Amino acid sequence: MAIIETYNLTKYYGKIRGIEQLNLTVNEGDFFGFIGPNGAGKSTTIRTLLGLVSPTSGSATIFGKDIKNTTGILTDIGYISSEISFYSGMRAGEIIALSAKLRNKDCSKEAKTLCERLQLDPSRKVEELSLGNRKKVGIVCAMQHRPRLYIFDEPTSGLDPLIQKEFFDLLFERQKEGATIFLSSHVLSEIQRFCNRAAIIRQGRIVACGTVNELSKTHAKRVTLYKATHIPEIDGIFDVQTAHDSVSFLYKGDIKDLIAALQNLTFTDISITEPNLEEIFMHFYTQGGDNQ
């Protein structure tokens, strides 16, 4: 079952591009990564899905309901924005209790458990909290009512590594219970480690979408030559990197042509591996990529 579907979803701010003709499907139970640098359109996509801004054209559904039906959708979503802010003068626990009250739910037991696991002191005033602790308050508010869908916009910024681990442990627990997670990030290691499916957004458009393994299959290989003085003269080489004892590059072409070109080089060893997600991401951004 599709939890999120968009159909040529487009948002312009006047003449400024937000997103263009976005077609995206997130299935029930997915841990879905949404990858792109700042300004690519990640936050605009999320705000449009949540009804915080209206689309210029196109449409989208969540739980099979049109996103214009916010009342029937938002009650079963947990959302964290990329920038967290709260009413001043309130304590963290009061913010959490207010969030639960707005949903007409008693979440006190779950909120207490989440605060303990995230090492959050609910008695502290929000203006005393660091960015990381404000993010913890946002996480508790988003998770305490145990929704079917979690939409998180770069949620780990400001969290220390131990709390990041606990946060992802919580998400995996919810996913096992049947929840769907939509996580936007520019931290590629997060997507590669935790997500089963992902989409890459570039200048407001989806340039690639599929499983993380599928995204890694660009038919390019990472070739590393040790103790080599230079790289072979052959088409299909890009992203050249040099180190003190090696030179490496991505190669997209016939492997037989590469082997023939290597005959004219001097080197002590060679490794040929699949590129990692960061290299794939850079391929789609520097080369333009494709939609395959």
Protein backbone atom coordinates (compact mmCIF):
# COMPACT_ATOMS: atom_id res chain seq x y z
CA MET A 1 0.00 0.00 0.00
CA ALA A 2 1.26 3.47 -0.89
CA ILE A 3 1.41 5.78 2.14
CA ILE A 4 2.67 8.85 0.21
CA GLU A 5 2.09 9.46 -3.50
CA THR A 6 2.79 12.62 -5.47
CA TYR A 7 1.70 13.38 -9.01
CA ASN A 8 3.68 16.10 -10.82
CA LEU A 9 3.73 18.02 -7.54
CA THR A 10 5.03 21.54 -8.17
CA LYS A 11 5.59 24.52 -5.90
CA TYR A 12 6.85 27.95 -6.94
CA TYR A 13 7.37 30.92 -4.63
CA GLY A 14 6.53 33.62 -7.16
CA LYS A 15 9.11 33.00 -9.87
CA ILE A 16 11.43 31.09 -7.57
CA ARG A 17 11.50 27.33 -8.00
CA GLY A 18 10.69 25.16 -5.02
CA ILE A 19 9.91 21.75 -6.56
CA GLU A 20 8.91 20.76 -10.10
CA GLN A 21 6.80 17.82 -11.31
CA LEU A 22 7.67 15.62 -8.35
CA ASN A 23 6.50 12.01 -8.77
CA LEU A 24 7.21 9.94 -5.70
CA THR A 25 5.79 6.84 -4.00
CA VAL A 26 6.53 5.80 -0.41
CA ASN A 27 5.09 2.42 0.53
CA GLU A 28 3.81 1.24 3.88
CA GLY A 29 6.67 0.09 6.10
CA ASP A 30 9.36 1.88 4.09
CA PHE A 31 12.31 3.54 5.77
CA PHE A 32 12.59 6.09 2.99
CA GLY A 33 15.49 8.50 2.56
CA PHE A 34 15.12 11.84 0.78
CA ILE A 35 18.57 13.07 -0.22
CA GLY A 36 19.71 16.48 -1.36
CA PRO A 37 21.76 19.50 -0.23
CA ASN A 38 20.25 22.68 1.13
CA GLY A 39 18.07 24.36 -1.48
CA ALA A 40 17.34 21.19 -3.45
CA GLY A 41 13.66 21.17 -2.44
CA LYS A 42 13.51 18.72 0.47
CA SER A 43 11.81 21.03 2.96
CA THR A 44 9.46 22.46 0.31
CA THR A 45 8.34 18.91 -0.53
CA ILE A 46 7.65 18.13 3.12
CA ARG A 47 5.85 21.41 3.82
CA THR A 48 3.67 20.89 0.76
CA LEU A 49 2.80 17.33 1.81
CA LEU A 50 1.82 18.54 5.27
CA GLY A 51 -0.35 21.36 3.94
CA LEU A 52 1.89 24.07 5.37
CA VAL A 53 2.17 25.55 1.86
CA SER A 54 -0.18 25.02 -1.09
CA PRO A 55 1.10 23.42 -4.30
CA THR A 56 1.25 25.52 -7.45
CA SER A 57 0.13 22.52 -9.48
CA GLY A 58 -0.02 18.74 -9.30
CA SER A 59 -1.41 16.75 -6.40
CA ALA A 60 -0.49 14.32 -3.63
CA THR A 61 -2.09 11.83 -1.28
CA ILE A 62 -1.18 10.53 2.17
CA PHE A 63 -2.96 7.40 3.46
CA GLY A 64 -4.89 7.55 0.18
CA LYS A 65 -6.38 10.95 1.09
CA ASP A 66 -5.77 14.19 -0.77
CA ILE A 67 -3.28 16.37 1.12
CA LYS A 68 -5.91 19.14 1.17
CA ASN A 69 -7.70 16.98 3.76
CA THR A 70 -5.24 17.94 6.50
CA THR A 71 -7.59 17.08 9.40
CA GLY A 72 -7.88 13.48 8.25
CA ILE A 73 -4.13 13.15 7.72
CA LEU A 74 -2.15 15.09 10.31
CA THR A 75 -3.58 13.23 13.33
CA ASP A 76 -1.58 10.15 12.29
CA ILE A 77 1.70 11.86 11.39
CA GLY A 78 4.71 12.68 13.53
CA TYR A 79 6.68 15.62 12.12
CA ILE A 80 10.01 17.22 12.97
CA SER A 81 11.03 20.36 11.10
CA SER A 82 14.63 21.11 10.22
CA GLU A 83 14.56 24.13 12.55
CA ILE A 84 13.11 23.70 16.04
CA SER A 85 11.58 26.57 18.02
CA PHE A 86 9.13 26.71 20.93
CA TYR A 87 7.23 29.22 23.05
CA SER A 88 9.65 30.89 25.48
CA GLY A 89 9.06 30.60 29.22
CA MET A 90 7.78 27.02 28.98
CA ARG A 91 9.49 23.92 30.25
CA ALA A 92 10.28 20.99 27.96
CA GLY A 93 7.71 18.82 29.72
CA GLU A 94 5.03 21.49 29.26
CA ILE A 95 5.74 21.66 25.53
CA ILE A 96 5.47 17.87 25.30
CA ALA A 97 2.21 17.84 27.30
CA LEU A 98 0.76 20.62 25.11
CA SER A 99 1.59 18.64 21.97
CA ALA A 100 -0.25 15.62 23.36
CA LYS A 101 -3.23 17.75 24.43
CA LEU A 102 -3.56 19.18 20.93
CA ARG A 103 -4.02 15.59 19.75
CA ASN A 104 -6.52 14.82 22.54
CA LYS A 105 -4.35 11.97 23.75
CA ASP A 106 -2.78 10.96 27.06
CA CYS A 107 0.81 10.28 26.01
CA SER A 108 2.41 10.79 29.43
CA LYS A 109 3.71 7.23 29.81
CA GLU A 110 5.21 7.13 26.32
CA ALA A 111 6.64 10.64 26.71
CA LYS A 112 8.38 9.63 29.94
CA THR A 113 9.95 6.61 28.25
CA LEU A 114 11.15 8.69 25.29
CA CYS A 115 12.64 11.37 27.58
CA GLU A 116 14.56 8.70 29.48
CA ARG A 117 15.89 7.05 26.33
CA LEU A 118 16.91 10.37 24.80
CA GLN A 119 18.37 11.67 28.09
CA LEU A 120 16.09 14.71 28.09
CA ASP A 121 15.31 16.57 31.31
CA PRO A 122 11.67 17.71 30.92
CA SER A 123 11.95 20.17 33.82
CA ARG A 124 14.32 22.51 31.96
CA LYS A 125 13.05 25.69 30.32
CA VAL A 126 13.24 25.69 26.54
CA GLU A 127 15.39 28.83 26.38
CA GLU A 128 18.03 26.98 28.44
CA LEU A 129 18.20 24.09 25.99
CA SER A 130 20.94 23.53 23.42
CA LEU A 131 20.07 22.80 19.79
CA GLY A 132 20.45 19.09 20.46
CA ASN A 133 18.11 19.16 23.44
CA ARG A 134 15.55 21.20 21.51
CA LYS A 135 15.70 18.51 18.84
CA LYS A 136 15.02 15.92 21.55
CA VAL A 137 11.88 17.81 22.59
CA GLY A 138 10.76 17.81 18.95
CA ILE A 139 11.41 14.07 18.66
CA VAL A 140 9.34 13.31 21.77
CA CYS A 141 6.48 15.50 20.50
CA ALA A 142 6.58 13.71 17.14
CA MET A 143 6.77 10.16 18.50
CA GLN A 144 4.77 10.12 21.75
CA HIS A 145 1.41 9.47 20.05
CA ARG A 146 2.84 6.54 18.03
CA PRO A 147 1.64 7.63 14.56
CA ARG A 148 1.56 5.53 11.39
CA LEU A 149 3.84 7.90 9.50
CA TYR A 150 6.93 9.81 10.61
CA ILE A 151 8.09 12.73 8.44
CA PHE A 152 11.43 14.03 9.69
CA ASP A 153 13.30 16.92 8.05
CA GLU A 154 17.02 16.58 8.87
CA PRO A 155 16.26 15.45 12.44
CA THR A 156 19.76 14.51 13.63
CA SER A 157 21.50 17.90 13.37
CA GLY A 158 22.67 18.88 16.84
CA LEU A 159 22.36 15.38 18.32
CA ASP A 160 25.50 13.75 19.69
CA PRO A 161 26.45 10.31 18.26
CA LEU A 162 25.05 8.29 21.17
CA ILE A 163 21.68 10.02 21.00
CA GLN A 164 21.67 9.64 17.21
CA LYS A 165 22.06 5.88 17.69
CA GLU A 166 19.21 5.81 20.21
CA PHE A 167 17.05 7.87 17.87
CA PHE A 168 17.52 5.42 14.99
CA ASP A 169 16.94 2.49 17.36
CA LEU A 170 13.57 4.06 18.18
CA LEU A 171 12.75 4.47 14.49
CA PHE A 172 13.61 0.85 13.72
CA GLU A 173 11.36 -0.28 16.58
CA ARG A 174 8.47 1.75 15.19
CA GLN A 175 9.14 0.47 11.68
CA LYS A 176 8.97 -3.13 12.93
CA GLU A 177 5.58 -2.27 14.42
CA GLY A 178 4.39 -1.26 10.93
CA ALA A 179 5.11 2.48 10.84
CA THR A 180 6.48 4.25 7.75
CA ILE A 181 9.43 6.64 8.01
CA PHE A 182 10.20 9.46 5.55
CA LEU A 183 13.57 10.99 6.44
CA SER A 184 15.15 13.91 4.60
CA SER A 185 18.87 14.34 5.02
CA HIS A 186 22.05 15.61 3.40
CA VAL A 187 24.08 13.15 5.53
CA LEU A 188 24.56 10.35 3.03
CA SER A 189 25.91 7.86 5.57
CA GLU A 190 22.57 8.02 7.40
CA ILE A 191 20.67 7.10 4.24
CA GLN A 192 23.05 4.29 3.34
CA ARG A 193 23.03 2.76 6.83
CA PHE A 194 19.37 3.05 7.77
CA CYS A 195 17.09 3.41 4.72
CA ASN A 196 15.83 0.63 2.47
CA ARG A 197 14.64 3.02 -0.27
CA ALA A 198 15.67 6.53 -1.24
CA ALA A 199 15.22 9.33 -3.74
CA ILE A 200 17.76 11.94 -4.83
CA ILE A 201 16.40 15.44 -5.45
CA ARG A 202 18.32 17.90 -7.60
CA GLN A 203 17.20 21.48 -8.32
CA GLY A 204 13.64 20.65 -7.32
CA ARG A 205 13.35 17.45 -9.38
CA ILE A 206 13.75 13.77 -8.56
CA VAL A 207 16.77 12.49 -10.51
CA ALA A 208 16.85 8.96 -9.10
CA CYS A 209 14.62 6.77 -6.94
CA GLY A 210 14.78 3.14 -5.83
CA THR A 211 16.32 0.87 -3.26
CA VAL A 212 19.67 1.97 -1.85
CA ASN A 213 21.25 -1.01 -3.60
CA GLU A 214 19.67 -0.02 -6.92
CA LEU A 215 20.94 3.54 -6.58
CA SER A 216 24.43 2.17 -6.13
CA LYS A 217 24.27 0.36 -9.47
CA THR A 218 25.23 3.13 -11.87
CA HIS A 219 27.43 0.76 -13.92
CA ALA A 220 30.39 2.79 -12.64
CA LYS A 221 33.23 1.20 -10.69
CA ARG A 222 35.68 2.74 -8.24
CA VAL A 223 39.17 1.81 -9.48
CA THR A 224 42.19 2.35 -7.22
CA LEU A 225 45.75 1.99 -8.49
CA TYR A 226 48.51 1.74 -5.89
CA LYS A 227 51.95 3.25 -6.48
CA ALA A 228 50.75 4.56 -9.84
CA THR A 229 52.10 7.77 -11.34
CA HIS A 230 49.04 8.61 -13.43
CA ILE A 231 45.68 7.29 -14.63
CA PRO A 232 45.01 5.56 -17.98
CA GLU A 233 44.13 7.69 -21.00
CA ILE A 234 40.63 6.41 -21.74
CA ASP A 235 37.12 7.82 -22.00
CA GLY A 236 34.68 7.18 -19.16
CA ILE A 237 36.90 8.28 -16.26
CA PHE A 238 35.68 10.89 -13.76
CA ASP A 239 35.97 11.88 -10.09
CA VAL A 240 39.75 11.37 -9.96
CA GLN A 241 41.20 11.32 -6.42
CA THR A 242 44.85 11.17 -5.45
CA ALA A 243 46.50 10.07 -2.20
CA HIS A 244 50.10 9.72 -1.10
CA ASP A 245 50.35 6.12 -2.34
CA SER A 246 47.46 5.72 -4.75
CA VAL A 247 45.23 7.25 -7.39
CA SER A 248 41.57 6.33 -7.81
CA PHE A 249 38.76 7.20 -10.17
CA LEU A 250 35.23 6.24 -11.16
CA TYR A 251 35.08 4.42 -14.48
CA LYS A 252 31.96 4.00 -16.59
CA GLY A 253 32.73 2.00 -19.70
CA ASP A 254 33.74 -1.41 -21.04
CA ILE A 255 35.93 -3.13 -18.47
CA LYS A 256 37.93 -4.77 -21.28
CA ASP A 257 38.92 -1.33 -22.58
CA LEU A 258 40.08 -0.38 -19.10
CA ILE A 259 42.18 -3.54 -18.75
CA ALA A 260 43.80 -2.86 -22.11
CA ALA A 261 44.61 0.72 -21.14
CA LEU A 262 46.14 -0.43 -17.84
CA GLN A 263 48.75 -2.47 -19.71
CA ASN A 264 50.69 0.73 -20.39
CA LEU A 265 50.81 1.83 -16.72
CA THR A 266 53.10 1.01 -13.84
CA PHE A 267 51.44 0.20 -10.49
CA THR A 268 51.86 -2.35 -7.70
CA ASP A 269 48.23 -3.31 -6.99
CA ILE A 270 44.67 -2.58 -8.06
CA SER A 271 41.23 -2.72 -6.48
CA ILE A 272 37.90 -2.44 -8.29
CA THR A 273 34.84 -1.91 -6.09
CA GLU A 274 31.27 -0.67 -6.21
CA PRO A 275 31.01 3.08 -5.50
CA ASN A 276 29.46 4.14 -2.19
CA LEU A 277 26.30 6.22 -1.91
CA GLU A 278 28.23 9.48 -1.53
CA GLU A 279 29.96 8.83 -4.84
CA ILE A 280 26.64 7.97 -6.45
CA PHE A 281 25.16 11.19 -5.10
CA MET A 282 28.03 13.23 -6.53
CA HIS A 283 27.58 11.43 -9.85
CA PHE A 284 23.97 12.61 -10.08
CA TYR A 285 24.92 16.13 -9.07
CA THR A 286 28.07 16.69 -11.13
CA GLN A 287 27.16 14.58 -14.16
CA GLY A 288 23.43 15.30 -14.16
CA GLY A 289 22.63 11.61 -13.70
CA ASP A 290 19.54 10.07 -15.19
CA ASN A 291 16.22 8.76 -14.01
CA GLN A 292 17.05 5.11 -14.28
